[in-house]
C-alpha atoms as a PDB file:
ATOM      1  CA  MET A   1      46.566  20.805 -87.283  1.00  0.00           C
ATOM      2  CA  THR A   2      46.501  22.009 -83.534  1.00  0.00           C
ATOM      3  CA  THR A   3      47.285  19.456 -80.957  1.00  0.00           C
ATOM      4  CA  LYS A   4      45.475  19.274 -77.711  1.00  0.00           C
ATOM      5  CA  PRO A   5      47.482  19.654 -74.383  1.00  0.00           C
ATOM      6  CA  LEU A   6      48.020  16.295 -72.770  1.00  0.00           C
ATOM      7  CA  ARG A   7      45.728  15.606 -69.948  1.00  0.00           C
ATOM      8  CA  GLN A   8      47.544  15.339 -66.631  1.00  0.00           C
ATOM      9  CA  PRO A   9      46.410  13.163 -63.649  1.00  0.00           C
ATOM     10  CA  THR A  10      44.378  15.099 -61.140  1.00  0.00           C
ATOM     11  CA  GLU A  11      47.223  14.754 -58.521  1.00  0.00           C
ATOM     12  CA  ASP A  12      49.742  16.254 -60.883  1.00  0.00           C
ATOM     13  CA  ARG A  13      47.599  19.183 -61.873  1.00  0.00           C
ATOM     14  CA  GLN A  14      46.697  19.957 -58.230  1.00  0.00           C
ATOM     15  CA  ALA A  15      50.417  19.961 -57.389  1.00  0.00           C
ATOM     16  CA  GLU A  16      50.974  22.396 -60.397  1.00  0.00           C
ATOM     17  CA  ILE A  17      48.264  24.676 -59.111  1.00  0.00           C
ATOM     18  CA  VAL A  18      49.693  24.646 -55.549  1.00  0.00           C
ATOM     19  CA  LEU A  19      53.208  25.516 -56.764  1.00  0.00           C
ATOM     20  CA  THR A  20      51.813  28.172 -59.039  1.00  0.00           C
ATOM     21  CA  LEU A  21      49.890  29.772 -56.208  1.00  0.00           C
ATOM     22  CA  LEU A  22      53.064  29.802 -54.222  1.00  0.00           C
ATOM     23  CA  GLN A  23      55.162  31.294 -56.982  1.00  0.00           C
ATOM     24  CA  LEU A  24      52.592  34.089 -57.405  1.00  0.00           C
ATOM     25  CA  ALA A  25      52.563  34.656 -53.548  1.00  0.00           C
ATOM     26  CA  ALA A  26      56.359  35.472 -53.776  1.00  0.00           C
ATOM     27  CA  GLY A  27      55.451  38.757 -55.596  1.00  0.00           C
ATOM     28  CA  ARG A  28      52.316  39.853 -53.832  1.00  0.00           C
ATOM     29  CA  SER A  29      49.799  39.033 -51.115  1.00  0.00           C
ATOM     30  CA  ALA A  30      48.141  35.695 -51.601  1.00  0.00           C
ATOM     31  CA  LEU A  31      44.785  37.389 -50.799  1.00  0.00           C
ATOM     32  CA  ASP A  32      45.162  39.423 -53.953  1.00  0.00           C
ATOM     33  CA  ILE A  33      45.783  36.399 -56.281  1.00  0.00           C
ATOM     34  CA  THR A  34      42.754  35.580 -58.359  1.00  0.00           C
ATOM     35  CA  THR A  35      41.909  32.362 -60.088  1.00  0.00           C
ATOM     36  CA  SER A  36      42.395  34.181 -63.259  1.00  0.00           C
ATOM     37  CA  ASP A  37      45.994  35.056 -62.251  1.00  0.00           C
ATOM     38  CA  ILE A  38      46.619  31.321 -61.517  1.00  0.00           C
ATOM     39  CA  ALA A  39      45.138  30.131 -64.772  1.00  0.00           C
ATOM     40  CA  ARG A  40      47.078  32.748 -66.685  1.00  0.00           C
ATOM     41  CA  ALA A  41      50.366  31.723 -65.010  1.00  0.00           C
ATOM     42  CA  MET A  42      49.636  28.055 -65.845  1.00  0.00           C
ATOM     43  CA  LYS A  43      48.395  28.912 -69.455  1.00  0.00           C
ATOM     44  CA  VAL A  44      45.028  27.149 -68.680  1.00  0.00           C
ATOM     45  CA  SER A  45      41.431  28.266 -68.382  1.00  0.00           C
ATOM     46  CA  GLN A  46      39.812  28.998 -65.088  1.00  0.00           C
ATOM     47  CA  GLY A  47      37.540  26.122 -65.646  1.00  0.00           C
ATOM     48  CA  ALA A  48      40.565  23.859 -65.756  1.00  0.00           C
ATOM     49  CA  LEU A  49      41.404  24.928 -62.153  1.00  0.00           C
ATOM     50  CA  PHE A  50      37.849  24.201 -61.035  1.00  0.00           C
ATOM     51  CA  ARG A  51      38.111  20.757 -62.418  1.00  0.00           C
ATOM     52  CA  HIS A  52      40.688  19.911 -59.852  1.00  0.00           C
ATOM     53  CA  PHE A  53      39.546  22.028 -56.856  1.00  0.00           C
ATOM     54  CA  PRO A  54      35.866  23.077 -56.209  1.00  0.00           C
ATOM     55  CA  THR A  55      36.664  26.524 -54.856  1.00  0.00           C
ATOM     56  CA  LYS A  56      39.545  28.962 -54.425  1.00  0.00           C
ATOM     57  CA  GLU A  57      39.499  28.367 -50.656  1.00  0.00           C
ATOM     58  CA  ALA A  58      40.143  24.535 -51.498  1.00  0.00           C
ATOM     59  CA  MET A  59      43.234  25.593 -53.514  1.00  0.00           C
ATOM     60  CA  ARG A  60      44.446  27.852 -50.621  1.00  0.00           C
ATOM     61  CA  LEU A  61      43.929  24.855 -48.112  1.00  0.00           C
ATOM     62  CA  ALA A  62      45.850  22.606 -50.492  1.00  0.00           C
ATOM     63  CA  VAL A  63      48.688  25.103 -50.429  1.00  0.00           C
ATOM     64  CA  VAL A  64      48.725  25.006 -46.514  1.00  0.00           C
ATOM     65  CA  GLY A  65      48.613  21.195 -46.607  1.00  0.00           C
ATOM     66  CA  TRP A  66      51.495  20.992 -49.049  1.00  0.00           C
ATOM     67  CA  ILE A  67      53.611  23.506 -47.021  1.00  0.00           C
ATOM     68  CA  GLU A  68      52.925  21.583 -43.739  1.00  0.00           C
ATOM     69  CA  ALA A  69      53.746  18.207 -45.353  1.00  0.00           C
ATOM     70  CA  GLU A  70      56.834  19.297 -47.265  1.00  0.00           C
ATOM     71  CA  LEU A  71      58.272  21.430 -44.477  1.00  0.00           C
ATOM     72  CA  LEU A  72      57.756  18.655 -41.872  1.00  0.00           C
ATOM     73  CA  ARG A  73      59.368  16.076 -44.319  1.00  0.00           C
ATOM     74  CA  ARG A  74      62.534  18.270 -44.885  1.00  0.00           C
ATOM     75  CA  VAL A  75      62.862  19.289 -41.135  1.00  0.00           C
ATOM     76  CA  GLY A  76      62.302  15.545 -40.009  1.00  0.00           C
ATOM     77  CA  ALA A  77      64.915  14.245 -42.529  1.00  0.00           C
ATOM     78  CA  ALA A  78      67.448  16.810 -41.405  1.00  0.00           C
ATOM     79  CA  GLY A  79      67.032  16.113 -37.734  1.00  0.00           C
ATOM     80  CA  ALA A  80      67.121  12.329 -38.292  1.00  0.00           C
ATOM     81  CA  ALA A  81      70.405  12.503 -40.157  1.00  0.00           C
ATOM     82  CA  ALA A  82      72.189  14.535 -37.461  1.00  0.00           C
ATOM     83  CA  ALA A  83      74.784  13.022 -35.115  1.00  0.00           C
ATOM     84  CA  SER A  84      73.878  14.847 -31.941  1.00  0.00           C
ATOM     85  CA  PRO A  85      70.938  16.914 -30.638  1.00  0.00           C
ATOM     86  CA  VAL A  86      72.738  20.191 -31.197  1.00  0.00           C
ATOM     87  CA  ASP A  87      73.607  19.165 -34.761  1.00  0.00           C
ATOM     88  CA  ALA A  88      69.866  18.189 -35.190  1.00  0.00           C
ATOM     89  CA  LEU A  89      68.736  21.556 -34.143  1.00  0.00           C
ATOM     90  CA  ARG A  90      71.213  23.326 -36.452  1.00  0.00           C
ATOM     91  CA  ALA A  91      70.191  20.975 -39.352  1.00  0.00           C
ATOM     92  CA  MET A  92      66.446  21.519 -38.665  1.00  0.00           C
ATOM     93  CA  PHE A  93      66.958  25.252 -38.503  1.00  0.00           C
ATOM     94  CA  LEU A  94      68.863  25.200 -41.776  1.00  0.00           C
ATOM     95  CA  ALA A  95      66.200  23.077 -43.430  1.00  0.00           C
ATOM     96  CA  HIS A  96      63.692  25.808 -42.494  1.00  0.00           C
ATOM     97  CA  VAL A  97      65.798  28.457 -44.065  1.00  0.00           C
ATOM     98  CA  GLU A  98      66.422  26.452 -47.252  1.00  0.00           C
ATOM     99  CA  PHE A  99      62.716  25.743 -47.619  1.00  0.00           C
ATOM    100  CA  PHE A 100      61.992  29.458 -47.426  1.00  0.00           C
ATOM    101  CA  ILE A 101      64.728  30.315 -49.926  1.00  0.00           C
ATOM    102  CA  ALA A 102      63.374  27.608 -52.406  1.00  0.00           C
ATOM    103  CA  TYR A 103      59.760  28.723 -51.775  1.00  0.00           C
ATOM    104  CA  PRO A 104      59.801  32.612 -51.045  1.00  0.00           C
ATOM    105  CA  GLY A 105      55.993  32.754 -51.394  1.00  0.00           C
ATOM    106  CA  VAL A 106      55.475  30.576 -48.327  1.00  0.00           C
ATOM    107  CA  PRO A 107      55.911  33.281 -45.556  1.00  0.00           C
ATOM    108  CA  ARG A 108      53.833  35.751 -47.512  1.00  0.00           C
ATOM    109  CA  PHE A 109      51.203  33.162 -48.118  1.00  0.00           C
ATOM    110  CA  ILE A 110      51.175  32.046 -44.382  1.00  0.00           C
ATOM    111  CA  PHE A 111      51.582  35.411 -42.792  1.00  0.00           C
ATOM    112  CA  GLY A 112      49.745  37.499 -45.319  1.00  0.00           C
ATOM    113  CA  GLU A 113      46.424  37.528 -43.633  1.00  0.00           C
ATOM    114  CA  LEU A 114      47.967  38.729 -40.172  1.00  0.00           C
END
């Protein structure tokens, strides 16, 4: 007897799609990544992707939105925890560096079209 994969809430699946797209962007230009590539990496059908995003462009915009929100959250937290303005600048810079180390696809995703 085969078991069906558990359905995930839309927000969880959207987050998974965003992170998968970023993972794939670490190895190649985001412009070259197809929905087939994303679906294959997630082990789902292309149709499953389009249940959560109407277009590939919507997926790309969700990635940009996630990058903005997550980076601002990390930088803000780093700056707020610092004891002085100089320490805040240092902490905010390091938060950027740590973010790009954790998500190497971000620079390629953001600057890939330039």
